[in-house]
Every structure is written in structure tokens, then in C-alpha cells.
Amino acid sequence: MNVLFVAGPAGSGKSMLTSTLALWLERLEYDVCKVNLDPAAELLPYVPDVDARKYVNARELMIKRGLGPNGALLASMDELLNYVVDIKTEIEEVSADYVLVDLPGQLEVVAFRPLGPRLLHELSEGSKAAVVFLIDSRLVSRIYSAYSLLLLALSTMYRLALPTVLALNKIDLVVNISEYSGEKLYRKIYETIPIYKLLLEESECPSLVSGETFLDTSISLQLCQFFRQFIKAPIPISAREAIGLDDLIAELENVLSTYKEG
């Protein structure tokens, strides 16, 4: 069983990717289990096979304990840990080739609290696992914003301690996909979205850093070189338009083929 955790900042398209990727894998004749791990989810673009809201509901908890939305989400995720065995049992009963776990919209709830790594590792124990980290292409329209998102991705990778594939989502909102297709589309994406200038060798780090305002130029230069050494350029996709999913699946299968449980 392969477990894929779909992570990323709020609004990056996690639920939409879970839905579209499930359909794509099913067309490739894989059995898929869709898991909603967000107790605060209101509307989902898919019907979950396993749903955290069956065990804990953030809205009910908010009313019961007099909490705000953020406090209710934190409390519900803490409580969800008590049901991890039940959730894993449900997942195993589906007996799928791929398990797609749609993580909460607030990334910090999973990535920066002690329960996050524990919850993910208990759910994926005994299986091959990886994280798809989504970046909204509109949020990396400047080099310094690309720095910020890549640092967030790195900190998440360190915290979750799982192999991670970066995907740049919503490319259809940045590039006119009706005008470009195939190799021309990807060439346009690489030329248009600055995160690729930062990660690909065609641009020199000093010229990138000098063209933006940074707190410390020397640190920014070192980070640019570090990113290029340790981070693969994100796979451009559109979850809504089902673009780039073959490339994403291929990279995930490559990562999973070398997975070793820690």
C-alpha cells in the first residue's frame, strides 16, 4: 500500500488535487482510498472513503468548548490522535493500492505541532509513504516569495521526515493553457514563474539576488545555492484542469520505489 499525504499552505488546492489525482489513478486501474484528515472541512470536491469528521468535528467542538475556529481545529486534531487506530483500520479495510490523505488546510497544525509527525507516521506505518507539498503558483510571483515558500517546504520536510515531492499548482491561473500546450506550455511556465529561475541553472544566483530586496544578500546567495543542491524543481500541475498529473505520479512512484521506513 502506498500512502500519499497531500500537504501545503491553506488555499493551495489540496482537496482538489486529492479528488483529481484519485480519478487519474483509478483510470490507470489502481484502487484508491480517499481520506479526509481535516475535522474542520466544510465542503469537499470528493466523497471520502475514510473521514476524520466521523470521529471528531471541529465545529461541534468549537460550540461545546467555546473555542474560536483556530482553537477548535487544534483541539480536534489533538483529539483525533485518540482515533488513529480506528482510522488506520478503516483505511486497511478498503485495501487500496494508493491512499490519498487530504491534510488540514492550516499547515502548521500538522507540520509544526508534535502530534502531526506522530499522526502521519502511525497512519503510514508498514506502508510506503510520501508527501506531495503543494505551492500555489500565484504565491511565487517574485523571487523573495519563492524563497519564503521553499523555506516553508523545507521546514515541513524536516518535521514530517518523509520523502517529499513539490508540485506547483494552479498553473492555469498564471499561463494561458488554451494558447500553449505540450513542451511549449512547460517552456512558458519555466519562463514565467520565478521559482524556476531560482532552482534551475539557467539563471545565476548573484543576478537573482541583486535584483530583489533581501534582508541579507550573502545569506540569500547561500540559500539560492542550497536550494539548487537539495531541492528538485516543483512539478507544474493544475489540479482543476488535470494537467501534469502523469509527471507527478511518475515522480511519486520513483520516490516510493526507494522508500525505506524510518
Protein backbone atom coordinates (compact mmCIF):
# COMPACT_ATOMS: atom_id res chain seq x y z
CA MET A 1 0.00 0.00 0.00
CA ASN A 2 1.25 3.47 -0.94
CA VAL A 3 0.23 6.37 1.31
CA LEU A 4 0.40 9.88 -0.14
CA PHE A 5 -0.10 12.83 2.20
CA VAL A 6 -1.27 15.96 0.37
CA ALA A 7 0.14 18.97 2.23
CA GLY A 8 0.61 22.68 1.64
CA PRO A 9 -0.50 26.13 2.81
CA ALA A 10 -4.18 27.00 3.03
CA GLY A 11 -5.71 27.52 -0.41
CA SER A 12 -3.00 25.67 -2.31
CA GLY A 13 -5.52 23.15 -3.71
CA LYS A 14 -5.03 20.07 -1.55
CA SER A 15 -8.62 18.83 -1.66
CA MET A 16 -8.94 19.45 -5.39
CA LEU A 17 -5.71 17.54 -6.04
CA THR A 18 -6.91 14.67 -3.84
CA SER A 19 -10.07 14.48 -5.95
CA THR A 20 -8.41 14.79 -9.36
CA LEU A 21 -5.47 12.53 -8.53
CA ALA A 22 -7.83 9.84 -7.27
CA LEU A 23 -9.74 9.88 -10.57
CA TRP A 24 -6.48 9.84 -12.54
CA LEU A 25 -5.14 6.83 -10.61
CA GLU A 26 -8.43 5.00 -10.98
CA ARG A 27 -8.26 5.49 -14.76
CA LEU A 28 -4.85 3.80 -14.56
CA GLU A 29 -6.69 0.88 -12.88
CA TYR A 30 -5.36 1.48 -9.37
CA ASP A 31 -7.62 1.09 -6.35
CA VAL A 32 -7.68 4.35 -4.38
CA CYS A 33 -8.73 5.21 -0.84
CA LYS A 34 -9.51 8.90 -0.24
CA VAL A 35 -9.01 10.09 3.34
CA ASN A 36 -10.14 13.43 4.71
CA LEU A 37 -8.00 14.20 7.76
CA ASP A 38 -9.43 17.68 8.31
CA PRO A 39 -12.02 17.75 11.13
CA ALA A 40 -12.92 21.32 10.12
CA ALA A 41 -13.63 20.62 6.45
CA GLU A 42 -16.97 22.05 5.32
CA LEU A 43 -17.23 21.11 1.63
CA LEU A 44 -15.06 18.62 -0.24
CA PRO A 45 -14.82 18.04 -4.02
CA TYR A 46 -14.80 14.27 -3.41
CA VAL A 47 -16.59 11.72 -1.24
CA PRO A 48 -14.07 10.44 1.33
CA ASP A 49 -13.77 6.72 1.92
CA VAL A 50 -12.43 7.49 5.40
CA ASP A 51 -13.42 10.73 7.12
CA ALA A 52 -11.92 12.28 10.27
CA ARG A 53 -15.23 14.08 10.85
CA LYS A 54 -16.76 10.71 11.73
CA TYR A 55 -14.66 10.77 14.88
CA VAL A 56 -14.11 14.46 15.61
CA ASN A 57 -15.95 17.51 14.29
CA ALA A 58 -14.23 20.86 14.79
CA ARG A 59 -17.46 22.89 14.57
CA GLU A 60 -19.16 20.80 17.25
CA LEU A 61 -16.05 21.06 19.41
CA MET A 62 -15.99 24.84 18.93
CA ILE A 63 -19.55 25.16 20.23
CA LYS A 64 -19.09 22.64 23.03
CA ARG A 65 -15.91 24.20 24.43
CA GLY A 66 -16.48 27.81 23.46
CA LEU A 67 -13.43 27.91 21.19
CA GLY A 68 -12.57 30.04 18.18
CA PRO A 69 -12.09 28.39 14.76
CA ASN A 70 -8.32 28.00 15.14
CA GLY A 71 -8.54 26.75 18.71
CA ALA A 72 -11.23 24.26 17.71
CA LEU A 73 -9.06 22.91 14.90
CA LEU A 74 -6.07 22.48 17.20
CA ALA A 75 -8.20 20.76 19.83
CA SER A 76 -9.88 18.50 17.29
CA MET A 77 -6.53 17.42 15.80
CA ASP A 78 -5.26 16.63 19.31
CA GLU A 79 -8.38 14.56 19.93
CA LEU A 80 -8.10 12.85 16.55
CA LEU A 81 -4.91 11.17 17.71
CA ASN A 82 -7.08 9.04 20.03
CA TYR A 83 -8.74 7.52 16.96
CA VAL A 84 -5.68 6.86 14.83
CA VAL A 85 -6.04 3.07 15.22
CA ASP A 86 -9.68 3.22 14.09
CA ILE A 87 -8.80 5.41 11.11
CA LYS A 88 -5.96 3.12 10.09
CA THR A 89 -8.22 0.09 10.40
CA GLU A 90 -10.75 1.74 8.09
CA ILE A 91 -8.00 2.51 5.57
CA GLU A 92 -6.71 -1.06 5.62
CA GLU A 93 -10.22 -2.43 5.14
CA VAL A 94 -10.50 -0.53 1.85
CA SER A 95 -7.41 -2.46 0.68
CA ALA A 96 -6.31 0.10 -1.90
CA ASP A 97 -3.15 0.43 -3.96
CA TYR A 98 -2.96 4.15 -3.14
CA VAL A 99 -4.20 6.01 -0.08
CA LEU A 100 -4.57 9.77 -0.62
CA VAL A 101 -4.66 11.65 2.68
CA ASP A 102 -6.01 15.19 2.40
CA LEU A 103 -4.38 17.09 5.27
CA PRO A 104 -5.89 20.10 7.10
CA GLY A 105 -5.77 23.45 5.36
CA GLN A 106 -3.77 25.02 8.17
CA LEU A 107 -0.34 23.55 7.51
CA GLU A 108 1.04 24.49 10.92
CA VAL A 109 -1.46 22.17 12.64
CA VAL A 110 0.23 19.14 11.07
CA ALA A 111 3.76 20.31 10.37
CA PHE A 112 4.66 22.35 13.44
CA ARG A 113 2.92 20.64 16.35
CA PRO A 114 4.14 17.38 17.95
CA LEU A 115 1.00 15.46 17.01
CA GLY A 116 1.50 15.97 13.24
CA PRO A 117 4.52 13.76 12.58
CA ARG A 118 3.23 11.17 15.04
CA LEU A 119 -0.19 11.04 13.38
CA LEU A 120 1.25 10.70 9.87
CA HIS A 121 3.79 8.06 10.80
CA GLU A 122 1.23 5.97 12.67
CA LEU A 123 -1.15 6.10 9.70
CA SER A 124 1.58 5.09 7.24
CA GLU A 125 3.36 2.51 9.41
CA GLY A 126 4.06 -0.64 7.43
CA SER A 127 3.41 1.10 4.09
CA LYS A 128 5.41 3.13 1.62
CA ALA A 129 4.73 6.82 2.18
CA ALA A 130 5.46 10.21 0.66
CA VAL A 131 4.28 13.81 0.88
CA VAL A 132 3.04 15.94 -2.00
CA PHE A 133 3.76 19.53 -0.98
CA LEU A 134 1.65 21.97 -2.97
CA ILE A 135 2.69 25.52 -3.81
CA ASP A 136 0.20 27.97 -5.31
CA SER A 137 1.88 29.31 -8.45
CA ARG A 138 0.42 32.77 -7.80
CA LEU A 139 2.31 32.99 -4.50
CA VAL A 140 5.74 32.70 -6.10
CA SER A 141 5.42 35.61 -8.49
CA ARG A 142 8.58 37.19 -7.03
CA ILE A 143 11.94 35.65 -6.15
CA TYR A 144 11.64 36.59 -2.47
CA SER A 145 8.23 34.92 -2.22
CA ALA A 146 9.73 31.79 -3.80
CA TYR A 147 12.38 31.85 -1.05
CA SER A 148 9.64 32.00 1.58
CA LEU A 149 7.64 29.08 0.17
CA LEU A 150 10.73 26.92 -0.33
CA LEU A 151 11.82 27.51 3.27
CA LEU A 152 8.32 26.51 4.39
CA ALA A 153 8.54 23.36 2.29
CA LEU A 154 11.97 22.55 3.77
CA SER A 155 10.79 23.01 7.35
CA THR A 156 7.80 20.76 6.64
CA MET A 157 10.08 18.10 5.15
CA TYR A 158 12.28 18.19 8.26
CA ARG A 159 9.31 17.99 10.61
CA LEU A 160 7.44 15.19 8.87
CA ALA A 161 10.58 13.22 7.96
CA LEU A 162 9.01 11.72 4.86
CA PRO A 163 10.18 11.84 1.23
CA THR A 164 8.57 14.87 -0.38
CA VAL A 165 7.68 15.85 -3.93
CA LEU A 166 6.98 19.53 -4.61
CA ALA A 167 4.21 20.43 -7.04
CA LEU A 168 3.44 23.91 -8.36
CA ASN A 169 -0.34 24.03 -8.58
CA LYS A 170 -2.78 26.36 -10.40
CA ILE A 171 -0.52 26.97 -13.39
CA ASP A 172 -3.70 27.57 -15.41
CA LEU A 173 -4.15 30.79 -13.46
CA VAL A 174 -0.71 32.07 -14.45
CA VAL A 175 -0.29 30.77 -18.00
CA ASN A 176 -2.96 30.68 -20.72
CA ILE A 177 -3.31 26.92 -21.19
CA SER A 178 -5.59 27.39 -24.21
CA GLU A 179 -2.74 29.13 -26.01
CA TYR A 180 0.08 26.78 -25.04
CA SER A 181 0.31 23.00 -24.85
CA GLY A 182 2.91 20.25 -24.55
CA GLU A 183 6.53 21.38 -24.43
CA LYS A 184 5.54 24.97 -25.28
CA LEU A 185 3.39 25.10 -22.16
CA TYR A 186 6.18 23.93 -19.88
CA ARG A 187 8.68 26.27 -21.53
CA LYS A 188 6.30 29.15 -20.91
CA ILE A 189 5.84 28.10 -17.28
CA TYR A 190 9.61 27.96 -16.70
CA GLU A 191 9.99 31.41 -18.26
CA THR A 192 7.03 32.98 -16.44
CA ILE A 193 7.14 31.68 -12.86
CA PRO A 194 10.23 32.91 -10.92
CA ILE A 195 10.60 29.83 -8.72
CA TYR A 196 12.13 28.03 -11.70
CA LYS A 197 14.69 30.80 -12.18
CA LEU A 198 15.67 30.21 -8.58
CA LEU A 199 16.00 26.44 -8.87
CA LEU A 200 17.25 25.88 -12.42
CA GLU A 201 20.80 26.54 -13.54
CA GLU A 202 19.92 28.83 -16.43
CA SER A 203 19.98 31.84 -14.09
CA GLU A 204 22.92 32.86 -11.92
CA CYS A 205 22.23 33.17 -8.18
CA PRO A 206 24.05 36.54 -7.80
CA SER A 207 21.96 38.16 -10.53
CA LEU A 208 18.73 36.86 -8.98
CA VAL A 209 19.64 38.10 -5.51
CA SER A 210 20.83 41.52 -6.68
CA GLY A 211 17.55 42.12 -8.47
CA GLU A 212 15.44 41.78 -5.32
CA THR A 213 15.38 43.34 -1.85
CA PHE A 214 16.61 40.90 0.78
CA LEU A 215 17.47 41.22 4.45
CA ASP A 216 20.96 39.88 3.84
CA THR A 217 22.37 39.39 0.35
CA SER A 218 25.06 36.91 1.39
CA ILE A 219 22.55 34.65 3.15
CA SER A 220 20.18 34.87 0.19
CA LEU A 221 23.01 33.86 -2.14
CA GLN A 222 23.89 30.86 0.02
CA LEU A 223 20.23 29.84 0.22
CA CYS A 224 19.91 30.03 -3.55
CA GLN A 225 22.87 27.67 -3.92
CA PHE A 226 21.50 25.42 -1.16
CA PHE A 227 18.06 25.20 -2.80
CA ARG A 228 19.63 24.18 -6.10
CA GLN A 229 21.65 21.46 -4.43
CA PHE A 230 18.92 19.87 -2.35
CA ILE A 231 15.50 20.74 -3.85
CA LYS A 232 14.19 19.46 -7.16
CA ALA A 233 12.19 21.97 -9.16
CA PRO A 234 8.46 21.52 -8.44
CA ILE A 235 6.37 19.67 -10.98
CA PRO A 236 3.98 22.14 -12.66
CA ILE A 237 0.37 20.97 -12.40
CA SER A 238 -3.20 22.14 -12.43
CA ALA A 239 -5.36 20.02 -10.16
CA ARG A 240 -8.51 21.63 -11.53
CA GLU A 241 -7.60 21.11 -15.20
CA ALA A 242 -5.80 17.76 -14.64
CA ILE A 243 -2.54 19.00 -16.17
CA GLY A 244 0.81 17.45 -15.28
CA LEU A 245 -0.60 14.55 -13.27
CA ASP A 246 1.27 11.90 -15.25
CA ASP A 247 4.55 13.65 -14.40
CA LEU A 248 3.53 13.94 -10.75
CA ILE A 249 2.58 10.27 -10.50
CA ALA A 250 5.82 9.22 -12.20
CA GLU A 251 7.89 11.22 -9.71
CA LEU A 252 5.91 9.86 -6.77
CA GLU A 253 6.37 6.28 -7.99
CA ASN A 254 10.08 6.96 -8.31
CA VAL A 255 10.23 8.24 -4.73
CA LEU A 256 8.15 5.38 -3.38
CA SER A 257 10.28 2.76 -5.16
CA THR A 258 13.25 3.76 -3.00
CA TYR A 259 11.27 4.31 0.21
CA LYS A 260 12.73 2.97 3.44
CA GLU A 261 10.64 3.22 6.57
CA GLY A 262 12.48 5.21 9.26
